[in-house]
Each structure stands twice: as structure tokens, then as C-alpha cells.
């Protein structure tokens, strides 16, 4: 199966944001920026009707929502979550900044999670170019007073993850290693959903989304992002 197709191709040019909580005094502001694992709109060709992270079963089951709920329970604060899809950066020939709204939102956040890389070109010669674009994005969305987190890839890419880790740390971020989730078929949507587009079913299911959110939460705990 072509894993590149699972994230890109039909996603090119898509950028979307979803609010799942309204702002309130003392709220925790969380922004997630990524590819289809972070947000994907309805697509009949892919037999996907969601407006959330692919391939969670509903909006409250993707990693962003699960992380927001975990933070609310831990901190006792309401969480204002905003999701952005910026998958087009992964295969672009040059840096493509996200819209001003995404940058402004991220810069004012308590925590920003950047979840990208699965669509980056697979040949090793292309890694430096992707990392240059990736680093530019990290600089643009790093919160002024909050903490930047960068996840590793959902699918196995050791060389790319090493480079992403260094780039994230160089930009003052915290890298969230997802390698423990690689090659675990029980975390894919295909483990519980038997019919659908193969590319969609190769994405994280509800259990995979929970595992991603917990990995991010553990790193947040270590970093002192919340009291």
C-alpha cells in the first residue's frame, strides 16, 4: 500500500481548523498542527465522513481531543483546542507558511503540538529539504510563553525521526517519540473496522489515537507544561 497517499494527494491545499471548546478565563490553550492524523475533512473517494483526526471513530476520539480531555482532568482547567491541517508542507518544494490565523493562535497557546513527517519524501536525499521546511514551521508556531512539542511519525522512519528530533530540540521544542507504536497492528483502525479505504484503515484507530495522546501527555508532564 502507498502510505504517502494515505496522507497527501487529495489533502493538498487543505487547511482546516476545528474549535472544540470556548475560551474562558484561566483556560489552557492547546493548538495541534499536522496532517490527516490531526484533521481531515469528509472525502467520498476515501469513504471518510469525519471532520477530525483520521481514523478516529468520532471527533472526541482523535489524539487532539483525547489530549485535551487528559489535560482538563489533570489541571482542572478548561482546554481550548484548535486543530490545523498543514500537510502540504510535507511534500512542498519550498517552505509554505500556514495562514496567519494558525500562527497567531499557536503563538498565544500554552502548548503547541506539531504532528508531521509521514508524508515527507522517502529518499534520504530529500530529508534535509524537509527538515529545513519543518524547522521554519517550528520557528513560526512556537508559542511565546508556552511549550512546543513535536511528535515523531506514525509510520516507521528511523532516519527521518532522528533528523526531526534534532530539529525540534534546536528550535527549543520537546520531541515526542512514537517509535514504540510502530508495527503494532492493534493500534490501527483496521483492527476494529473491517470495511473502508485501505489508506484510511492504516491510520490510527481509537486505541492508536489514545496511545499518541498519552505519549504527548507524558512528555508534557516531564516538561512542566502544567503545574
Protein backbone atom coordinates (compact mmCIF):
# COMPACT_ATOMS: atom_id res chain seq x y z
CA UNK A 1 0.00 0.00 0.00
CA UNK A 2 1.17 3.51 -0.77
CA UNK A 3 1.39 5.17 2.64
CA UNK A 4 2.12 8.52 1.03
CA UNK A 5 -1.37 8.50 -0.45
CA UNK A 6 -2.90 7.97 2.95
CA UNK A 7 -1.96 11.46 3.99
CA UNK A 8 -1.38 13.53 0.88
CA UNK A 9 -2.57 13.77 -2.71
CA UNK A 10 -6.19 14.57 -2.01
CA UNK A 11 -5.12 16.52 1.06
CA UNK A 12 -3.04 19.01 -0.89
CA UNK A 13 -4.19 22.52 -0.24
CA UNK A 14 -6.44 21.55 2.66
CA UNK A 15 -6.08 23.63 5.79
CA UNK A 16 -8.74 23.44 8.42
CA UNK A 17 -9.39 24.38 12.00
CA UNK A 18 -11.85 22.98 14.47
CA UNK A 19 -12.68 24.52 17.86
CA UNK A 20 -13.97 22.03 20.44
CA UNK A 21 -14.07 24.34 23.44
CA UNK A 22 -14.84 28.00 24.01
CA UNK A 23 -12.31 30.24 25.63
CA UNK A 24 -12.70 31.06 29.29
CA UNK A 25 -10.67 32.77 31.96
CA UNK A 26 -7.87 30.52 33.14
CA UNK A 27 -8.28 28.09 30.24
CA UNK A 28 -5.42 26.04 28.84
CA UNK A 29 -4.83 26.84 25.17
CA UNK A 30 -3.80 23.83 23.07
CA UNK A 31 -3.05 24.00 19.35
CA UNK A 32 -2.32 20.96 17.18
CA UNK A 33 -0.88 21.32 13.68
CA UNK A 34 -0.38 18.29 11.47
CA UNK A 35 -1.52 16.07 8.66
CA UNK A 36 -4.63 13.89 8.39
CA UNK A 37 -3.97 12.28 11.78
CA UNK A 38 -4.62 15.75 13.21
CA UNK A 39 -7.54 16.73 10.94
CA UNK A 40 -9.16 15.53 7.73
CA UNK A 41 -12.43 16.71 6.22
CA UNK A 42 -15.03 14.50 4.52
CA UNK A 43 -13.89 12.72 1.37
CA UNK A 44 -16.22 10.40 -0.54
CA UNK A 45 -13.38 8.78 -2.51
CA UNK A 46 -11.76 7.69 0.73
CA UNK A 47 -15.15 6.79 2.23
CA UNK A 48 -14.33 9.15 5.07
CA UNK A 49 -17.05 11.35 6.55
CA UNK A 50 -15.25 12.76 9.55
CA UNK A 51 -14.09 16.25 10.35
CA UNK A 52 -11.42 15.24 12.83
CA UNK A 53 -8.24 13.20 13.01
CA UNK A 54 -8.20 10.17 10.70
CA UNK A 55 -9.17 7.42 11.52
CA UNK A 56 -10.75 8.02 14.93
CA UNK A 57 -14.37 6.91 15.22
CA UNK A 58 -15.61 10.37 16.24
CA UNK A 59 -14.33 13.86 17.00
CA UNK A 60 -13.84 13.12 20.68
CA UNK A 61 -11.66 10.09 19.96
CA UNK A 62 -8.77 11.62 18.00
CA UNK A 63 -5.47 12.36 19.70
CA UNK A 64 -6.11 16.09 19.98
CA UNK A 65 -9.44 15.62 21.79
CA UNK A 66 -8.08 12.84 23.99
CA UNK A 67 -5.13 15.02 24.95
CA UNK A 68 -7.44 17.95 25.73
CA UNK A 69 -9.58 15.75 27.99
CA UNK A 70 -6.48 14.40 29.74
CA UNK A 71 -5.25 17.93 30.37
CA UNK A 72 -8.61 19.02 31.76
CA UNK A 73 -8.60 16.12 34.22
CA UNK A 74 -5.01 16.78 35.26
CA UNK A 75 -5.14 20.55 35.58
CA UNK A 76 -8.77 21.25 36.45
CA UNK A 77 -8.78 23.91 33.74
CA UNK A 78 -10.94 24.02 30.64
CA UNK A 79 -8.99 23.42 27.46
CA UNK A 80 -9.42 25.47 24.30
CA UNK A 81 -8.36 23.20 21.46
CA UNK A 82 -7.75 24.26 17.88
CA UNK A 83 -6.67 21.86 15.15
CA UNK A 84 -4.97 22.83 11.89
CA UNK A 85 -4.08 20.68 8.88
CA UNK A 86 -0.83 21.74 7.21
CA UNK A 87 0.07 18.51 5.43
CA UNK A 88 1.01 20.35 2.24
CA UNK A 89 4.29 21.35 3.92
CA UNK A 90 5.47 17.74 3.88
CA UNK A 91 5.97 17.46 0.12
CA UNK A 92 6.33 21.10 -0.83
CA UNK A 93 9.39 22.14 -2.78
CA UNK A 94 9.83 25.23 -0.62
CA UNK A 95 8.60 26.44 2.74
CA UNK A 96 4.86 27.12 2.84
CA UNK A 97 3.80 29.10 5.90
CA UNK A 98 0.46 28.30 7.49
CA UNK A 99 -2.19 31.04 7.44
CA UNK A 100 -1.73 33.98 9.76
CA UNK A 101 -4.60 32.71 11.91
CA UNK A 102 -2.75 29.47 12.63
CA UNK A 103 0.43 31.30 13.54
CA UNK A 104 -1.36 33.79 15.78
CA UNK A 105 -3.26 31.02 17.55
CA UNK A 106 -0.15 28.93 18.09
CA UNK A 107 1.96 31.81 19.35
CA UNK A 108 -0.59 32.55 22.08
CA UNK A 109 -1.02 28.91 23.12
CA UNK A 110 0.14 27.21 26.30
CA UNK A 111 1.15 24.18 24.25
CA UNK A 112 1.59 23.58 20.52
CA UNK A 113 1.85 20.08 19.07
CA UNK A 114 3.30 19.70 15.56
CA UNK A 115 2.49 16.28 14.08
CA UNK A 116 4.10 15.99 10.65
CA UNK A 117 6.58 13.87 8.71
CA UNK A 118 4.69 10.81 7.46
CA UNK A 119 4.29 12.35 4.03
CA UNK A 120 7.88 13.54 3.71
CA UNK A 121 9.69 12.07 0.67
CA UNK A 122 11.11 8.65 1.45
CA UNK A 123 14.54 9.03 -0.13
CA UNK A 124 17.30 10.06 2.26
CA UNK A 125 18.47 12.82 -0.08
CA UNK A 126 15.17 14.66 0.45
CA UNK A 127 15.38 14.72 4.25
CA UNK A 128 17.48 17.92 4.54
CA UNK A 129 14.98 19.83 2.41
CA UNK A 130 12.06 18.65 4.51
CA UNK A 131 13.88 19.44 7.74
CA UNK A 132 14.56 22.97 6.53
CA UNK A 133 10.83 23.50 5.86
CA UNK A 134 9.92 21.78 9.12
CA UNK A 135 12.29 23.96 11.14
CA UNK A 136 10.85 27.11 9.57
CA UNK A 137 7.38 26.00 10.62
CA UNK A 138 8.52 25.28 14.17
CA UNK A 139 10.00 28.77 14.45
CA UNK A 140 6.78 30.30 13.13
CA UNK A 141 4.40 28.50 15.51
CA UNK A 142 6.49 28.20 18.67
CA UNK A 143 4.41 29.73 21.48
CA UNK A 144 5.73 32.89 23.08
CA UNK A 145 5.17 31.71 26.65
CA UNK A 146 4.13 28.09 26.17
CA UNK A 147 5.87 24.90 25.10
CA UNK A 148 6.40 23.42 21.65
CA UNK A 149 6.06 19.66 21.16
CA UNK A 150 6.94 17.71 18.01
CA UNK A 151 5.74 14.16 17.53
CA UNK A 152 7.60 11.52 15.64
CA UNK A 153 5.93 9.76 12.73
CA UNK A 154 3.10 7.24 12.98
CA UNK A 155 4.78 5.01 10.39
CA UNK A 156 8.33 3.78 10.78
CA UNK A 157 11.03 6.18 9.52
CA UNK A 158 14.15 5.97 11.73
CA UNK A 159 16.30 8.31 9.66
CA UNK A 160 13.63 10.98 9.39
CA UNK A 161 12.76 10.79 13.08
CA UNK A 162 16.37 11.31 14.08
CA UNK A 163 16.50 14.45 11.96
CA UNK A 164 13.15 15.69 13.25
CA UNK A 165 14.24 15.16 16.85
CA UNK A 166 17.35 17.29 16.33
CA UNK A 167 15.35 19.99 14.53
CA UNK A 168 12.74 20.12 17.28
CA UNK A 169 15.33 20.39 20.04
CA UNK A 170 17.26 23.03 18.10
CA UNK A 171 14.10 25.15 17.98
CA UNK A 172 13.56 24.79 21.73
CA UNK A 173 10.87 22.10 21.46
CA UNK A 174 10.27 18.76 23.11
CA UNK A 175 10.30 15.69 20.88
CA UNK A 176 7.65 13.00 21.44
CA UNK A 177 8.99 9.63 20.31
CA UNK A 178 6.27 7.41 18.82
CA UNK A 179 8.56 4.54 17.82
CA UNK A 180 7.02 2.29 20.50
CA UNK A 181 3.77 2.46 18.50
CA UNK A 182 5.33 1.29 15.22
CA UNK A 183 4.40 -2.14 13.92
CA UNK A 184 1.52 -2.57 16.34
CA UNK A 185 -1.44 -3.57 14.17
CA UNK A 186 -3.83 -3.48 17.12
CA UNK A 187 -3.47 0.32 17.18
CA UNK A 188 -4.58 0.78 13.57
CA UNK A 189 -8.17 1.46 12.58
CA UNK A 190 -8.14 -1.83 10.65
CA UNK A 191 -8.05 -3.68 13.98
CA UNK A 192 -11.66 -2.74 14.69
CA UNK A 193 -13.04 -1.52 11.35
CA UNK A 194 -13.18 -4.15 8.62
CA UNK A 195 -14.58 -2.13 5.73
CA UNK A 196 -13.22 1.08 4.28
CA UNK A 197 -10.42 2.56 2.22
CA UNK A 198 -7.09 0.78 2.94
CA UNK A 199 -5.29 4.09 3.35
CA UNK A 200 -7.77 5.25 5.96
CA UNK A 201 -7.68 1.94 7.83
CA UNK A 202 -3.88 2.15 8.08
CA UNK A 203 -4.26 5.28 10.20
CA UNK A 204 -4.53 5.09 13.99
CA UNK A 205 -7.85 3.86 15.31
CA UNK A 206 -9.23 4.96 18.66
CA UNK A 207 -6.64 2.93 20.57
CA UNK A 208 -3.87 4.34 18.41
CA UNK A 209 -5.11 7.88 18.98
CA UNK A 210 -5.16 7.26 22.72
CA UNK A 211 -1.59 5.95 22.58
CA UNK A 212 -0.44 9.06 20.69
CA UNK A 213 -2.18 11.39 23.15
CA UNK A 214 -0.69 9.57 26.13
CA UNK A 215 2.80 9.81 24.63
CA UNK A 216 2.36 13.56 24.26
CA UNK A 217 0.89 13.90 27.75
CA UNK A 218 3.85 12.07 29.31
CA UNK A 219 6.26 14.49 27.63
CA UNK A 220 4.14 17.43 28.77
CA UNK A 221 4.34 16.13 32.33
CA UNK A 222 8.10 15.85 32.12
CA UNK A 223 8.44 19.35 30.72
CA UNK A 224 6.43 21.08 33.43
CA UNK A 225 3.94 22.44 30.90
CA UNK A 226 1.26 22.43 33.60
CA UNK A 227 1.57 22.58 37.41
